[in-house]
Amino acid sequence: MKKGYLLVGSIGLILLSYLGSMLFDYSFYAAIQWIAGALTIVAIILSGALANGDRVRSNYATNQERTKTGVFTGWNILIFAIPFYLVMMYIELF
């Protein structure tokens, strides 16, 4: 999947959450915080960053393709989360 589609999709989700915050009674900043946090947690879980070093090494030794796919998916989710963090920083600074 191209990274440009991930960024466009995340910006679309930000715009939809902003529109939803205008139509319904909830905080846009809180929604952005929850989405960014959830995406980061999912990326950490899928990339294997929470695993022990021995476990990561053994997983890589037994199935290299699956390990690479998991890390690649984790990075894609983090790229998807970047605009949410940028919006949070913008709201906090301005």
N, C-alpha and C. Protein backbone atom coordinates (compact mmCIF):
# COMPACT_ATOMS: atom_id res chain seq x y z
N MET A 1 0.84 -1.17 0.00
CA MET A 1 0.00 0.00 0.00
C MET A 1 0.89 1.24 0.00
N LYS A 2 0.55 2.19 -0.82
CA LYS A 2 1.35 3.40 -0.89
C LYS A 2 1.08 4.29 0.31
N LYS A 3 2.13 4.96 0.74
CA LYS A 3 2.04 5.80 1.94
C LYS A 3 1.14 7.02 1.70
N GLY A 4 1.05 7.47 0.46
CA GLY A 4 0.19 8.62 0.15
C GLY A 4 -1.27 8.33 0.44
N TYR A 5 -1.71 7.10 0.16
CA TYR A 5 -3.09 6.72 0.45
C TYR A 5 -3.35 6.69 1.95
N LEU A 6 -2.35 6.28 2.72
CA LEU A 6 -2.50 6.27 4.17
C LEU A 6 -2.68 7.68 4.71
N LEU A 7 -1.88 8.61 4.21
CA LEU A 7 -1.99 9.99 4.68
C LEU A 7 -3.30 10.64 4.26
N VAL A 8 -3.73 10.38 3.04
CA VAL A 8 -5.01 10.91 2.57
C VAL A 8 -6.16 10.32 3.38
N GLY A 9 -6.09 9.04 3.67
CA GLY A 9 -7.12 8.40 4.48
C GLY A 9 -7.17 8.95 5.89
N SER A 10 -6.01 9.20 6.49
CA SER A 10 -6.01 9.73 7.85
C SER A 10 -6.51 11.17 7.88
N ILE A 11 -6.17 11.95 6.87
CA ILE A 11 -6.69 13.32 6.81
C ILE A 11 -8.20 13.29 6.62
N GLY A 12 -8.70 12.36 5.81
CA GLY A 12 -10.14 12.21 5.65
C GLY A 12 -10.82 11.83 6.95
N LEU A 13 -10.19 10.95 7.72
CA LEU A 13 -10.75 10.57 9.02
C LEU A 13 -10.73 11.73 10.00
N ILE A 14 -9.70 12.56 9.93
CA ILE A 14 -9.65 13.76 10.78
C ILE A 14 -10.79 14.70 10.42
N LEU A 15 -11.00 14.90 9.13
CA LEU A 15 -12.09 15.78 8.70
C LEU A 15 -13.46 15.22 9.10
N LEU A 16 -13.62 13.91 8.99
CA LEU A 16 -14.89 13.30 9.41
C LEU A 16 -15.10 13.43 10.91
N SER A 17 -14.04 13.29 11.69
CA SER A 17 -14.19 13.44 13.14
C SER A 17 -14.48 14.89 13.50
N TYR A 18 -13.92 15.85 12.75
CA TYR A 18 -14.22 17.26 13.00
C TYR A 18 -15.68 17.57 12.65
N LEU A 19 -16.13 17.03 11.53
CA LEU A 19 -17.53 17.20 11.14
C LEU A 19 -18.45 16.57 12.17
N GLY A 20 -18.10 15.39 12.64
CA GLY A 20 -18.89 14.73 13.67
C GLY A 20 -18.92 15.51 14.97
N SER A 21 -17.80 16.15 15.31
CA SER A 21 -17.80 16.95 16.55
C SER A 21 -18.66 18.19 16.41
N MET A 22 -18.83 18.67 15.18
CA MET A 22 -19.71 19.82 14.97
C MET A 22 -21.18 19.39 15.01
N LEU A 23 -21.48 18.21 14.51
CA LEU A 23 -22.86 17.74 14.47
C LEU A 23 -23.32 17.16 15.80
N PHE A 24 -22.42 16.46 16.48
CA PHE A 24 -22.76 15.83 17.76
C PHE A 24 -22.01 16.54 18.87
N ASP A 25 -22.37 16.24 20.08
CA ASP A 25 -21.78 16.96 21.21
C ASP A 25 -20.63 16.15 21.81
N TYR A 26 -19.45 16.24 21.19
CA TYR A 26 -18.25 15.65 21.77
C TYR A 26 -17.05 16.50 21.38
N SER A 27 -15.98 16.34 22.11
CA SER A 27 -14.78 17.14 21.92
C SER A 27 -13.95 16.58 20.76
N PHE A 28 -13.61 17.44 19.83
CA PHE A 28 -12.78 17.05 18.70
C PHE A 28 -11.40 16.63 19.19
N TYR A 29 -10.84 17.36 20.15
CA TYR A 29 -9.51 17.05 20.67
C TYR A 29 -9.50 15.69 21.36
N ALA A 30 -10.54 15.39 22.12
CA ALA A 30 -10.61 14.08 22.78
C ALA A 30 -10.71 12.95 21.76
N ALA A 31 -11.47 13.16 20.71
CA ALA A 31 -11.59 12.14 19.66
C ALA A 31 -10.24 11.90 18.98
N ILE A 32 -9.51 12.97 18.68
CA ILE A 32 -8.20 12.85 18.05
C ILE A 32 -7.23 12.12 18.99
N GLN A 33 -7.29 12.43 20.28
CA GLN A 33 -6.42 11.75 21.25
C GLN A 33 -6.70 10.25 21.28
N TRP A 34 -7.96 9.88 21.32
CA TRP A 34 -8.32 8.46 21.38
C TRP A 34 -7.89 7.73 20.12
N ILE A 35 -8.13 8.34 18.96
CA ILE A 35 -7.77 7.69 17.69
C ILE A 35 -6.25 7.53 17.59
N ALA A 36 -5.50 8.58 17.91
CA ALA A 36 -4.04 8.51 17.83
C ALA A 36 -3.49 7.49 18.82
N GLY A 37 -4.02 7.47 20.02
CA GLY A 37 -3.56 6.50 21.01
C GLY A 37 -3.86 5.07 20.60
N ALA A 38 -5.06 4.85 20.09
CA ALA A 38 -5.44 3.50 19.66
C ALA A 38 -4.58 3.03 18.49
N LEU A 39 -4.33 3.91 17.53
CA LEU A 39 -3.50 3.54 16.38
C LEU A 39 -2.07 3.22 16.81
N THR A 40 -1.55 3.99 17.76
CA THR A 40 -0.19 3.74 18.24
C THR A 40 -0.10 2.41 18.97
N ILE A 41 -1.08 2.11 19.80
CA ILE A 41 -1.08 0.84 20.53
C ILE A 41 -1.18 -0.34 19.56
N VAL A 42 -2.03 -0.23 18.56
CA VAL A 42 -2.16 -1.30 17.56
C VAL A 42 -0.85 -1.47 16.79
N ALA A 43 -0.20 -0.36 16.44
CA ALA A 43 1.07 -0.44 15.72
C ALA A 43 2.15 -1.11 16.56
N ILE A 44 2.19 -0.80 17.85
CA ILE A 44 3.18 -1.41 18.74
C ILE A 44 2.93 -2.90 18.86
N ILE A 45 1.68 -3.28 18.97
CA ILE A 45 1.35 -4.71 19.10
C ILE A 45 1.69 -5.46 17.82
N LEU A 46 1.34 -4.91 16.66
CA LEU A 46 1.58 -5.60 15.40
C LEU A 46 3.06 -5.64 15.02
N SER A 47 3.82 -4.65 15.44
CA SER A 47 5.24 -4.64 15.06
C SER A 47 6.07 -5.57 15.93
N GLY A 48 5.53 -5.97 17.07
CA GLY A 48 6.27 -6.86 17.95
C GLY A 48 7.19 -6.13 18.89
N ALA A 49 7.03 -4.83 19.04
CA ALA A 49 7.90 -4.04 19.90
C ALA A 49 7.71 -4.36 21.38
N LEU A 50 6.59 -4.94 21.76
CA LEU A 50 6.36 -5.28 23.15
C LEU A 50 6.96 -6.63 23.54
N ALA A 51 7.42 -7.35 22.56
CA ALA A 51 7.92 -8.70 22.83
C ALA A 51 9.34 -8.66 23.37
N ASN A 52 9.70 -9.72 24.04
CA ASN A 52 11.05 -9.91 24.55
C ASN A 52 12.02 -10.09 23.38
N GLY A 53 13.27 -9.72 23.55
CA GLY A 53 14.27 -9.84 22.48
C GLY A 53 14.46 -11.28 22.02
N ASP A 54 14.44 -12.22 22.96
CA ASP A 54 14.57 -13.62 22.58
C ASP A 54 13.39 -14.08 21.73
N ARG A 55 12.22 -13.62 22.10
CA ARG A 55 11.01 -13.99 21.36
C ARG A 55 11.06 -13.41 19.94
N VAL A 56 11.49 -12.18 19.81
CA VAL A 56 11.57 -11.56 18.49
C VAL A 56 12.59 -12.30 17.63
N ARG A 57 13.73 -12.64 18.19
CA ARG A 57 14.75 -13.35 17.44
C ARG A 57 14.25 -14.73 16.99
N SER A 58 13.57 -15.43 17.89
CA SER A 58 13.07 -16.76 17.51
C SER A 58 11.95 -16.67 16.48
N ASN A 59 11.09 -15.67 16.60
CA ASN A 59 10.05 -15.49 15.59
C ASN A 59 10.65 -15.17 14.23
N TYR A 60 11.68 -14.35 14.23
CA TYR A 60 12.32 -14.00 12.97
C TYR A 60 13.04 -15.21 12.36
N ALA A 61 13.62 -16.03 13.21
CA ALA A 61 14.33 -17.20 12.71
C ALA A 61 13.38 -18.25 12.12
N THR A 62 12.18 -18.36 12.69
CA THR A 62 11.26 -19.38 12.20
C THR A 62 10.46 -18.91 10.99
N ASN A 63 10.08 -17.64 10.95
CA ASN A 63 9.25 -17.16 9.85
C ASN A 63 9.62 -15.71 9.55
N GLN A 64 10.57 -15.51 8.67
CA GLN A 64 11.06 -14.17 8.38
C GLN A 64 10.03 -13.32 7.65
N GLU A 65 9.30 -13.92 6.75
CA GLU A 65 8.32 -13.15 5.96
C GLU A 65 7.21 -12.59 6.85
N ARG A 66 6.72 -13.41 7.77
CA ARG A 66 5.65 -12.96 8.66
C ARG A 66 6.14 -11.84 9.58
N THR A 67 7.37 -11.95 10.05
CA THR A 67 7.93 -10.91 10.90
C THR A 67 8.07 -9.60 10.14
N LYS A 68 8.56 -9.68 8.91
CA LYS A 68 8.70 -8.47 8.09
C LYS A 68 7.34 -7.85 7.79
N THR A 69 6.35 -8.68 7.53
CA THR A 69 5.00 -8.18 7.26
C THR A 69 4.43 -7.48 8.48
N GLY A 70 4.64 -8.04 9.67
CA GLY A 70 4.14 -7.42 10.89
C GLY A 70 4.78 -6.07 11.16
N VAL A 71 6.09 -5.99 10.96
CA VAL A 71 6.79 -4.71 11.15
C VAL A 71 6.33 -3.70 10.12
N PHE A 72 6.17 -4.12 8.88
CA PHE A 72 5.71 -3.22 7.81
C PHE A 72 4.31 -2.71 8.11
N THR A 73 3.44 -3.58 8.60
CA THR A 73 2.08 -3.16 8.95
C THR A 73 2.10 -2.18 10.11
N GLY A 74 2.95 -2.43 11.09
CA GLY A 74 3.08 -1.50 12.21
C GLY A 74 3.53 -0.12 11.78
N TRP A 75 4.50 -0.08 10.87
CA TRP A 75 4.96 1.21 10.36
C TRP A 75 3.87 1.92 9.58
N ASN A 76 3.09 1.18 8.79
CA ASN A 76 2.00 1.81 8.05
C ASN A 76 0.96 2.41 8.99
N ILE A 77 0.67 1.73 10.08
CA ILE A 77 -0.29 2.27 11.03
C ILE A 77 0.27 3.52 11.71
N LEU A 78 1.56 3.51 12.02
CA LEU A 78 2.18 4.71 12.59
C LEU A 78 2.14 5.88 11.61
N ILE A 79 2.36 5.61 10.34
CA ILE A 79 2.26 6.67 9.34
C ILE A 79 0.83 7.19 9.27
N PHE A 80 -0.14 6.30 9.42
CA PHE A 80 -1.55 6.70 9.44
C PHE A 80 -1.84 7.58 10.65
N ALA A 81 -1.12 7.39 11.77
CA ALA A 81 -1.35 8.14 13.00
C ALA A 81 -0.65 9.49 13.02
N ILE A 82 0.33 9.73 12.16
CA ILE A 82 1.10 10.98 12.18
C ILE A 82 0.21 12.22 12.06
N PRO A 83 -0.72 12.30 11.11
CA PRO A 83 -1.55 13.51 11.04
C PRO A 83 -2.38 13.76 12.30
N PHE A 84 -2.78 12.70 13.00
CA PHE A 84 -3.53 12.89 14.24
C PHE A 84 -2.65 13.57 15.29
N TYR A 85 -1.39 13.15 15.37
CA TYR A 85 -0.47 13.79 16.31
C TYR A 85 -0.18 15.23 15.91
N LEU A 86 -0.09 15.50 14.61
CA LEU A 86 0.13 16.86 14.16
C LEU A 86 -1.05 17.76 14.50
N VAL A 87 -2.26 17.26 14.35
CA VAL A 87 -3.45 18.04 14.72
C VAL A 87 -3.47 18.29 16.22
N MET A 88 -3.10 17.28 17.02
CA MET A 88 -3.06 17.47 18.47
C MET A 88 -2.03 18.54 18.84
N MET A 89 -0.86 18.52 18.19
CA MET A 89 0.15 19.53 18.47
C MET A 89 -0.34 20.92 18.06
N TYR A 90 -1.01 21.01 16.93
CA TYR A 90 -1.53 22.30 16.48
C TYR A 90 -2.56 22.85 17.45
N ILE A 91 -3.44 22.00 17.93
CA ILE A 91 -4.47 22.44 18.88
C ILE A 91 -3.82 22.91 20.19
N GLU A 92 -2.81 22.18 20.65
CA GLU A 92 -2.14 22.55 21.90
C GLU A 92 -1.35 23.85 21.77
N LEU A 93 -0.72 24.06 20.62
CA LEU A 93 0.14 25.23 20.46
C LEU A 93 -0.61 26.50 20.10
N PHE A 94 -1.74 26.37 19.42
CA PHE A 94 -2.44 27.58 18.96
C PHE A 94 -3.80 27.67 19.53
